[in-house]
Every structure is written in structure tokens, then in C-alpha cells.
Amino acid sequence: MAFLQKRVAGPVTLADIATMDTAPGSASYAPAAGVTTIIKQIMFTNITSSTQQVSMWVFSGVGSIANSDMVFHSLDLAAYETMLINLSLVLGPGTGDGLFAGAGNAASVNMTVSGIEEN
């Protein structure tokens, strides 16, 4: 088994979501087939001159995304603020796990995800 520490996603501009309770239709990041990812840090950057909000879910792909899948809700980012979130979140191989994140406004928040991949 090989462990590779790397930027696993981004920077990517988050899609806008209808409300902070509504997950985007597709994953912002999902591990490749046969790969386990341990997400160690997520960086959100507000690229606008006004406060923006972000919500994030971790979803296994079984059933529908629900409030129980939410990691955080309506996180406020001040104008041009960058926020680092340190965590240890395991996304498994072949499970359909995915990280879903959305912003209140289109083209307002960038996300970069760093972690460790195990093949």
C-alpha cells in the first residue's frame, strides 16, 4: 500500500445552492475507485467583496442527502477571507462517499482539499 499526501481537489469554485440546507447535485470531491482518502484540511476562500456562506455535507451515496450528513451549515466567510478547516475525515473506496459543498452565490468561494490517499 502506498500513502500519498497531496492536494486532492481544487482550487475549485463552488457552485451556488438554492439554500444553505440544499446540497449541490454533484460531489465537490470523491475518491477514485479503489482509493481511500483521509481529508486533512479544507481551505475556503471568499473571492468577493461581500460576506459569503458555505455549507458542506459528507454523503455515502446511499439514499438521499439529509441534515444528518451535514458537516457544517452556513459558515460565514467575510470579504476576501480565507478559512482553513483541519480535520481527519475518511472517505472510503467503493462506498460512494463524497464531499459536497456549496456557496450562497455562484463564483464567490473557492475550495481546496488536501489529504492522504491510500491505494
C-alpha atoms as a PDB file:
ATOM      1  CA  MET A   1       0.000   0.000   0.000  1.00  0.00           C
ATOM      2  CA  ALA A   2       1.213   3.430  -0.911  1.00  0.00           C
ATOM      3  CA  PHE A   3       0.291   6.579   1.016  1.00  0.00           C
ATOM      4  CA  LEU A   4       0.428   9.812  -0.936  1.00  0.00           C
ATOM      5  CA  GLN A   5      -0.010  13.206   0.730  1.00  0.00           C
ATOM      6  CA  LYS A   6      -1.359  15.663  -1.826  1.00  0.00           C
ATOM      7  CA  ARG A   7      -3.874  18.263  -2.840  1.00  0.00           C
ATOM      8  CA  VAL A   8      -6.803  16.035  -3.707  1.00  0.00           C
ATOM      9  CA  ALA A   9      -9.122  18.716  -5.094  1.00  0.00           C
ATOM     10  CA  GLY A  10      -9.051  22.310  -6.202  1.00  0.00           C
ATOM     11  CA  PRO A  11      -8.859  25.068  -6.069  1.00  0.00           C
ATOM     12  CA  VAL A  12     -12.357  24.804  -7.478  1.00  0.00           C
ATOM     13  CA  THR A  13     -15.089  27.448  -7.408  1.00  0.00           C
ATOM     14  CA  LEU A  14     -18.123  26.125  -5.558  1.00  0.00           C
ATOM     15  CA  ALA A  15     -21.499  26.000  -7.230  1.00  0.00           C
ATOM     16  CA  ASP A  16     -24.283  28.087  -5.787  1.00  0.00           C
ATOM     17  CA  ILE A  17     -27.001  26.243  -3.924  1.00  0.00           C
ATOM     18  CA  ALA A  18     -30.677  27.158  -3.585  1.00  0.00           C
ATOM     19  CA  THR A  19     -30.461  27.393   0.223  1.00  0.00           C
ATOM     20  CA  MET A  20     -27.832  26.543   2.822  1.00  0.00           C
ATOM     21  CA  ASP A  21     -29.939  23.412   3.516  1.00  0.00           C
ATOM     22  CA  THR A  22     -29.794  22.160  -0.091  1.00  0.00           C
ATOM     23  CA  ALA A  23     -26.784  20.104  -1.144  1.00  0.00           C
ATOM     24  CA  PRO A  24     -25.384  20.551  -4.651  1.00  0.00           C
ATOM     25  CA  GLY A  25     -26.289  17.914  -7.231  1.00  0.00           C
ATOM     26  CA  SER A  26     -22.774  16.548  -7.600  1.00  0.00           C
ATOM     27  CA  ALA A  27     -19.819  15.916  -5.322  1.00  0.00           C
ATOM     28  CA  SER A  28     -17.133  18.567  -4.961  1.00  0.00           C
ATOM     29  CA  TYR A  29     -14.706  15.692  -4.297  1.00  0.00           C
ATOM     30  CA  ALA A  30     -14.996  11.891  -4.338  1.00  0.00           C
ATOM     31  CA  PRO A  31     -12.135   9.393  -4.081  1.00  0.00           C
ATOM     32  CA  ALA A  32     -11.187   7.428  -7.171  1.00  0.00           C
ATOM     33  CA  ALA A  33     -12.162   3.763  -7.382  1.00  0.00           C
ATOM     34  CA  GLY A  34     -10.046   1.641  -5.038  1.00  0.00           C
ATOM     35  CA  VAL A  35      -8.640   4.676  -3.182  1.00  0.00           C
ATOM     36  CA  THR A  36      -9.229   5.632   0.452  1.00  0.00           C
ATOM     37  CA  THR A  37      -8.774   9.338   1.163  1.00  0.00           C
ATOM     38  CA  ILE A  38      -8.145  10.910   4.546  1.00  0.00           C
ATOM     39  CA  ILE A  39      -9.050  14.579   4.203  1.00  0.00           C
ATOM     40  CA  LYS A  40      -6.754  16.581   6.479  1.00  0.00           C
ATOM     41  CA  GLN A  41      -7.517  20.188   5.545  1.00  0.00           C
ATOM     42  CA  ILE A  42     -10.122  22.127   3.617  1.00  0.00           C
ATOM     43  CA  MET A  43      -9.430  25.716   2.613  1.00  0.00           C
ATOM     44  CA  PHE A  44     -12.275  28.043   1.660  1.00  0.00           C
ATOM     45  CA  THR A  45     -11.502  31.429   0.113  1.00  0.00           C
ATOM     46  CA  ASN A  46     -14.120  34.124  -0.381  1.00  0.00           C
ATOM     47  CA  ILE A  47     -13.115  35.813  -3.635  1.00  0.00           C
ATOM     48  CA  THR A  48     -15.677  38.610  -3.381  1.00  0.00           C
ATOM     49  CA  SER A  49     -16.007  41.917  -1.536  1.00  0.00           C
ATOM     50  CA  SER A  50     -19.050  40.782   0.477  1.00  0.00           C
ATOM     51  CA  THR A  51     -19.713  38.125   3.119  1.00  0.00           C
ATOM     52  CA  GLN A  52     -20.488  34.683   1.654  1.00  0.00           C
ATOM     53  CA  GLN A  53     -21.839  31.485   3.202  1.00  0.00           C
ATOM     54  CA  VAL A  54     -20.809  27.869   2.655  1.00  0.00           C
ATOM     55  CA  SER A  55     -22.432  24.582   3.697  1.00  0.00           C
ATOM     56  CA  MET A  56     -20.811  21.141   3.442  1.00  0.00           C
ATOM     57  CA  TRP A  57     -22.010  17.540   3.588  1.00  0.00           C
ATOM     58  CA  VAL A  58     -20.298  14.141   3.599  1.00  0.00           C
ATOM     59  CA  PHE A  59     -22.559  11.664   1.862  1.00  0.00           C
ATOM     60  CA  SER A  60     -22.152   7.919   1.456  1.00  0.00           C
ATOM     61  CA  GLY A  61     -24.193   7.729  -1.741  1.00  0.00           C
ATOM     62  CA  VAL A  62     -26.907   5.603  -0.100  1.00  0.00           C
ATOM     63  CA  GLY A  63     -30.370   7.114  -0.063  1.00  0.00           C
ATOM     64  CA  SER A  64     -30.674  10.893  -0.169  1.00  0.00           C
ATOM     65  CA  ILE A  65     -28.520  13.601   1.374  1.00  0.00           C
ATOM     66  CA  ALA A  66     -30.033  14.681   4.689  1.00  0.00           C
ATOM     67  CA  ASN A  67     -29.263  17.022   7.575  1.00  0.00           C
ATOM     68  CA  SER A  68     -27.534  14.089   9.303  1.00  0.00           C
ATOM     69  CA  ASP A  69     -24.875  14.214   6.526  1.00  0.00           C
ATOM     70  CA  MET A  70     -24.055  17.880   7.181  1.00  0.00           C
ATOM     71  CA  VAL A  71     -20.545  18.746   8.375  1.00  0.00           C
ATOM     72  CA  PHE A  72     -21.258  22.447   8.775  1.00  0.00           C
ATOM     73  CA  HIS A  73     -24.114  24.791   7.942  1.00  0.00           C
ATOM     74  CA  SER A  74     -23.981  28.400   6.771  1.00  0.00           C
ATOM     75  CA  LEU A  75     -20.319  29.037   7.541  1.00  0.00           C
ATOM     76  CA  ASP A  76     -19.755  32.796   7.152  1.00  0.00           C
ATOM     77  CA  LEU A  77     -16.693  33.991   5.238  1.00  0.00           C
ATOM     78  CA  ALA A  78     -16.003  37.726   5.411  1.00  0.00           C
ATOM     79  CA  ALA A  79     -14.957  39.633   2.288  1.00  0.00           C
ATOM     80  CA  TYR A  80     -11.734  38.112   0.866  1.00  0.00           C
ATOM     81  CA  GLU A  81     -11.353  35.849   3.920  1.00  0.00           C
ATOM     82  CA  THR A  82      -9.555  32.512   3.741  1.00  0.00           C
ATOM     83  CA  MET A  83     -10.528  29.898   6.318  1.00  0.00           C
ATOM     84  CA  LEU A  84      -8.619  26.671   6.982  1.00  0.00           C
ATOM     85  CA  ILE A  85     -10.528  23.762   8.481  1.00  0.00           C
ATOM     86  CA  ASN A  86      -8.352  20.993   9.916  1.00  0.00           C
ATOM     87  CA  LEU A  87      -9.943  17.592  10.334  1.00  0.00           C
ATOM     88  CA  SER A  88      -9.426  13.882   9.823  1.00  0.00           C
ATOM     89  CA  LEU A  89     -12.247  12.688   7.611  1.00  0.00           C
ATOM     90  CA  VAL A  90     -12.034   9.267   5.947  1.00  0.00           C
ATOM     91  CA  LEU A  91     -13.734   8.688   2.606  1.00  0.00           C
ATOM     92  CA  GLY A  92     -13.701   5.024   1.672  1.00  0.00           C
ATOM     93  CA  PRO A  93     -13.135   3.243  -1.618  1.00  0.00           C
ATOM     94  CA  GLY A  94     -16.090   1.864  -3.498  1.00  0.00           C
ATOM     95  CA  THR A  95     -18.574   3.207  -0.963  1.00  0.00           C
ATOM     96  CA  GLY A  96     -19.824   6.154  -2.983  1.00  0.00           C
ATOM     97  CA  ASP A  97     -18.521   8.556  -0.315  1.00  0.00           C
ATOM     98  CA  GLY A  98     -18.314  12.152  -1.450  1.00  0.00           C
ATOM     99  CA  LEU A  99     -17.747  15.648  -0.148  1.00  0.00           C
ATOM    100  CA  PHE A 100     -20.495  18.049  -1.214  1.00  0.00           C
ATOM    101  CA  ALA A 101     -20.025  21.790  -0.693  1.00  0.00           C
ATOM    102  CA  GLY A 102     -21.941  24.771  -1.983  1.00  0.00           C
ATOM    103  CA  ALA A 103     -21.930  28.540  -1.607  1.00  0.00           C
ATOM    104  CA  GLY A 104     -24.763  31.012  -1.353  1.00  0.00           C
ATOM    105  CA  ASN A 105     -23.694  32.768  -4.569  1.00  0.00           C
ATOM    106  CA  ALA A 106     -22.102  31.496  -7.763  1.00  0.00           C
ATOM    107  CA  ALA A 107     -18.414  32.266  -8.398  1.00  0.00           C
ATOM    108  CA  SER A 108     -17.906  33.527  -4.846  1.00  0.00           C
ATOM    109  CA  VAL A 109     -15.978  30.855  -2.915  1.00  0.00           C
ATOM    110  CA  ASN A 110     -13.037  28.635  -3.870  1.00  0.00           C
ATOM    111  CA  MET A 111     -12.339  25.330  -2.139  1.00  0.00           C
ATOM    112  CA  THR A 112      -9.042  23.419  -1.925  1.00  0.00           C
ATOM    113  CA  VAL A 113      -8.838  19.995  -0.261  1.00  0.00           C
ATOM    114  CA  SER A 114      -5.596  18.422   0.992  1.00  0.00           C
ATOM    115  CA  GLY A 115      -5.196  14.922   2.325  1.00  0.00           C
ATOM    116  CA  ILE A 116      -3.658  11.484   2.140  1.00  0.00           C
ATOM    117  CA  GLU A 117      -4.586   8.895  -0.467  1.00  0.00           C
ATOM    118  CA  GLU A 118      -4.071   5.189   0.092  1.00  0.00           C
ATOM    119  CA  ASN A 119      -4.050   2.934  -2.954  1.00  0.00           C
END
